[in-house]
């Protein structure tokens, strides 16, 4: 799997956890997690920089571009 795919999976999971946490606990503050994730995704789309992307890169996970060059993903 590529870094971009990991980012989408982790962000989607965090949004689901936030939504389910707000629904089942009745605590609306869980929504702030979804707001943070959404703002981070927006910032990533604009600047093409994401902390999670940097962390995954340091762990040796290849990007889609690296996989296209190698053909090994």
N, C-alpha and C. Protein backbone atom coordinates (compact mmCIF):
# COMPACT_ATOMS: atom_id res chain seq x y z
N UNK A 1 0.84 -1.18 0.00
CA UNK A 1 0.00 0.00 0.00
C UNK A 1 0.88 1.25 0.00
N UNK A 2 0.36 2.31 -0.52
CA UNK A 2 1.12 3.55 -0.63
C UNK A 2 0.80 4.48 0.53
N UNK A 3 1.65 5.51 0.68
CA UNK A 3 1.44 6.50 1.75
C UNK A 3 0.11 7.20 1.59
N UNK A 4 -0.23 7.55 0.35
CA UNK A 4 -1.48 8.26 0.11
C UNK A 4 -2.68 7.43 0.54
N UNK A 5 -2.59 6.14 0.30
CA UNK A 5 -3.69 5.26 0.68
C UNK A 5 -3.79 5.13 2.20
N UNK A 6 -2.64 5.02 2.87
CA UNK A 6 -2.64 4.98 4.34
C UNK A 6 -3.27 6.24 4.91
N UNK A 7 -2.93 7.39 4.34
CA UNK A 7 -3.47 8.66 4.84
C UNK A 7 -4.99 8.67 4.70
N UNK A 8 -5.51 8.22 3.58
CA UNK A 8 -6.96 8.19 3.39
C UNK A 8 -7.63 7.23 4.37
N UNK A 9 -7.03 6.08 4.59
CA UNK A 9 -7.60 5.09 5.51
C UNK A 9 -7.59 5.62 6.94
N UNK A 10 -6.48 6.20 7.36
CA UNK A 10 -6.38 6.70 8.73
C UNK A 10 -7.32 7.88 8.93
N UNK A 11 -7.39 8.79 7.97
CA UNK A 11 -8.29 9.94 8.09
C UNK A 11 -9.75 9.48 8.14
N UNK A 12 -10.12 8.55 7.29
CA UNK A 12 -11.49 8.04 7.30
C UNK A 12 -11.84 7.36 8.61
N UNK A 13 -10.89 6.61 9.15
CA UNK A 13 -11.11 5.94 10.43
C UNK A 13 -11.30 6.96 11.55
N UNK A 14 -10.48 8.01 11.54
CA UNK A 14 -10.61 9.05 12.57
C UNK A 14 -11.95 9.78 12.48
N UNK A 15 -12.42 10.02 11.27
CA UNK A 15 -13.73 10.66 11.08
C UNK A 15 -14.84 9.76 11.61
N UNK A 16 -14.78 8.47 11.29
CA UNK A 16 -15.78 7.53 11.78
C UNK A 16 -15.76 7.43 13.30
N UNK A 17 -14.57 7.35 13.90
CA UNK A 17 -14.46 7.29 15.36
C UNK A 17 -15.07 8.54 15.98
N UNK A 18 -14.78 9.69 15.40
CA UNK A 18 -15.32 10.95 15.91
C UNK A 18 -16.84 10.98 15.83
N UNK A 19 -17.38 10.58 14.71
CA UNK A 19 -18.83 10.59 14.52
C UNK A 19 -19.52 9.60 15.45
N UNK A 20 -18.98 8.40 15.54
CA UNK A 20 -19.57 7.39 16.42
C UNK A 20 -19.40 7.78 17.89
N UNK A 21 -18.28 8.38 18.24
CA UNK A 21 -18.08 8.84 19.61
C UNK A 21 -19.10 9.89 20.00
N UNK A 22 -19.37 10.84 19.11
CA UNK A 22 -20.37 11.87 19.39
C UNK A 22 -21.77 11.27 19.48
N UNK A 23 -22.05 10.31 18.62
CA UNK A 23 -23.39 9.72 18.60
C UNK A 23 -23.65 8.87 19.85
N UNK A 24 -22.73 7.98 20.16
CA UNK A 24 -22.98 7.04 21.25
C UNK A 24 -22.72 7.62 22.64
N UNK A 25 -21.81 8.57 22.76
CA UNK A 25 -21.54 9.12 24.08
C UNK A 25 -22.45 10.32 24.38
N UNK A 26 -22.99 10.90 23.34
CA UNK A 26 -23.82 12.10 23.54
C UNK A 26 -22.97 13.34 23.79
N UNK A 27 -21.67 13.21 23.69
CA UNK A 27 -20.77 14.33 23.91
C UNK A 27 -20.39 14.93 22.56
N UNK A 28 -20.88 16.12 22.31
CA UNK A 28 -20.68 16.77 21.01
C UNK A 28 -19.22 17.15 20.77
N UNK A 29 -18.40 17.16 21.81
CA UNK A 29 -16.99 17.53 21.66
C UNK A 29 -16.22 16.56 20.79
N UNK A 30 -16.73 15.36 20.57
CA UNK A 30 -16.08 14.41 19.65
C UNK A 30 -16.00 14.97 18.24
N UNK A 31 -16.91 15.86 17.89
CA UNK A 31 -16.93 16.43 16.54
C UNK A 31 -15.66 17.22 16.26
N UNK A 32 -15.02 17.76 17.30
CA UNK A 32 -13.79 18.52 17.09
C UNK A 32 -12.69 17.68 16.47
N UNK A 33 -12.68 16.38 16.73
CA UNK A 33 -11.71 15.50 16.09
C UNK A 33 -11.94 15.47 14.58
N UNK A 34 -13.20 15.36 14.18
CA UNK A 34 -13.53 15.36 12.75
C UNK A 34 -13.17 16.70 12.11
N UNK A 35 -13.39 17.79 12.82
CA UNK A 35 -13.03 19.11 12.31
C UNK A 35 -11.52 19.21 12.11
N UNK A 36 -10.75 18.72 13.07
CA UNK A 36 -9.30 18.75 12.97
C UNK A 36 -8.81 17.92 11.78
N UNK A 37 -9.35 16.72 11.62
CA UNK A 37 -8.95 15.86 10.51
C UNK A 37 -9.32 16.51 9.18
N UNK A 38 -10.52 17.06 9.09
CA UNK A 38 -10.95 17.73 7.86
C UNK A 38 -10.07 18.92 7.52
N UNK A 39 -9.72 19.72 8.54
CA UNK A 39 -8.85 20.88 8.31
C UNK A 39 -7.46 20.43 7.87
N UNK A 40 -6.97 19.34 8.44
CA UNK A 40 -5.67 18.82 8.06
C UNK A 40 -5.69 18.31 6.62
N UNK A 41 -6.77 17.64 6.22
CA UNK A 41 -6.87 17.17 4.83
C UNK A 41 -6.95 18.35 3.86
N UNK A 42 -7.67 19.40 4.24
CA UNK A 42 -7.75 20.60 3.41
C UNK A 42 -6.37 21.23 3.25
N UNK A 43 -5.65 21.35 4.36
CA UNK A 43 -4.30 21.92 4.34
C UNK A 43 -3.37 21.05 3.50
N UNK A 44 -3.49 19.73 3.60
CA UNK A 44 -2.67 18.80 2.80
C UNK A 44 -2.96 18.98 1.31
N UNK A 45 -4.22 19.17 0.97
CA UNK A 45 -4.58 19.37 -0.43
C UNK A 45 -4.03 20.66 -1.01
N UNK A 46 -3.96 21.70 -0.17
CA UNK A 46 -3.48 23.00 -0.65
C UNK A 46 -1.96 23.06 -0.69
N UNK A 47 -1.31 22.61 0.38
CA UNK A 47 0.14 22.78 0.48
C UNK A 47 0.94 21.54 0.08
N UNK A 48 0.27 20.40 -0.03
CA UNK A 48 0.89 19.12 -0.34
C UNK A 48 1.90 18.71 0.74
N UNK A 49 1.68 19.14 1.99
CA UNK A 49 2.50 18.72 3.12
C UNK A 49 1.58 18.23 4.23
N UNK A 50 1.93 17.09 4.80
CA UNK A 50 1.15 16.50 5.88
C UNK A 50 2.12 15.81 6.83
N UNK A 51 1.93 16.00 8.12
CA UNK A 51 2.80 15.39 9.11
C UNK A 51 2.75 13.87 9.00
N UNK A 52 1.56 13.31 8.83
CA UNK A 52 1.43 11.85 8.70
C UNK A 52 2.19 11.35 7.48
N UNK A 53 2.17 12.10 6.40
CA UNK A 53 2.92 11.72 5.21
C UNK A 53 4.41 11.66 5.51
N UNK A 54 4.91 12.63 6.27
CA UNK A 54 6.33 12.65 6.65
C UNK A 54 6.67 11.46 7.54
N UNK A 55 5.77 11.13 8.47
CA UNK A 55 6.00 10.00 9.36
C UNK A 55 6.03 8.69 8.58
N UNK A 56 5.07 8.52 7.68
CA UNK A 56 5.02 7.30 6.88
C UNK A 56 6.24 7.19 5.96
N UNK A 57 6.70 8.32 5.46
CA UNK A 57 7.90 8.33 4.61
C UNK A 57 9.11 7.87 5.40
N UNK A 58 9.23 8.36 6.65
CA UNK A 58 10.37 7.96 7.47
C UNK A 58 10.31 6.48 7.86
N UNK A 59 9.11 5.90 7.82
CA UNK A 59 8.95 4.47 8.09
C UNK A 59 9.24 3.61 6.85
N UNK A 60 9.51 4.27 5.73
CA UNK A 60 9.89 3.56 4.52
C UNK A 60 8.74 3.16 3.62
N UNK A 61 7.56 3.73 3.83
CA UNK A 61 6.42 3.41 2.98
C UNK A 61 6.50 4.28 1.73
N UNK A 62 6.36 3.66 0.58
CA UNK A 62 6.53 4.36 -0.70
C UNK A 62 5.27 5.14 -1.06
N UNK A 63 5.48 6.20 -1.86
CA UNK A 63 4.36 6.99 -2.38
C UNK A 63 3.90 6.39 -3.70
N UNK A 64 2.80 6.91 -4.21
CA UNK A 64 2.30 6.43 -5.50
C UNK A 64 3.30 6.70 -6.62
N UNK A 65 4.00 7.82 -6.53
CA UNK A 65 4.99 8.17 -7.55
C UNK A 65 6.15 7.18 -7.52
N UNK A 66 6.62 6.84 -6.31
CA UNK A 66 7.70 5.86 -6.19
C UNK A 66 7.27 4.51 -6.74
N UNK A 67 6.05 4.13 -6.49
CA UNK A 67 5.55 2.84 -6.97
C UNK A 67 5.42 2.83 -8.49
N UNK A 68 5.05 3.97 -9.07
CA UNK A 68 4.92 4.05 -10.53
C UNK A 68 6.31 3.92 -11.18
N UNK A 69 7.33 4.49 -10.53
CA UNK A 69 8.69 4.40 -11.08
C UNK A 69 9.22 2.97 -10.99
N UNK A 70 9.02 2.36 -9.81
CA UNK A 70 9.56 1.02 -9.57
C UNK A 70 8.67 -0.08 -10.14
N UNK A 71 7.36 0.12 -9.99
CA UNK A 71 6.41 -0.93 -10.33
C UNK A 71 6.42 -2.05 -9.30
N UNK A 72 6.77 -1.70 -8.04
CA UNK A 72 6.94 -2.73 -7.02
C UNK A 72 5.93 -2.66 -5.87
N UNK A 73 4.89 -1.89 -5.97
CA UNK A 73 3.97 -1.79 -4.83
C UNK A 73 2.82 -2.74 -4.89
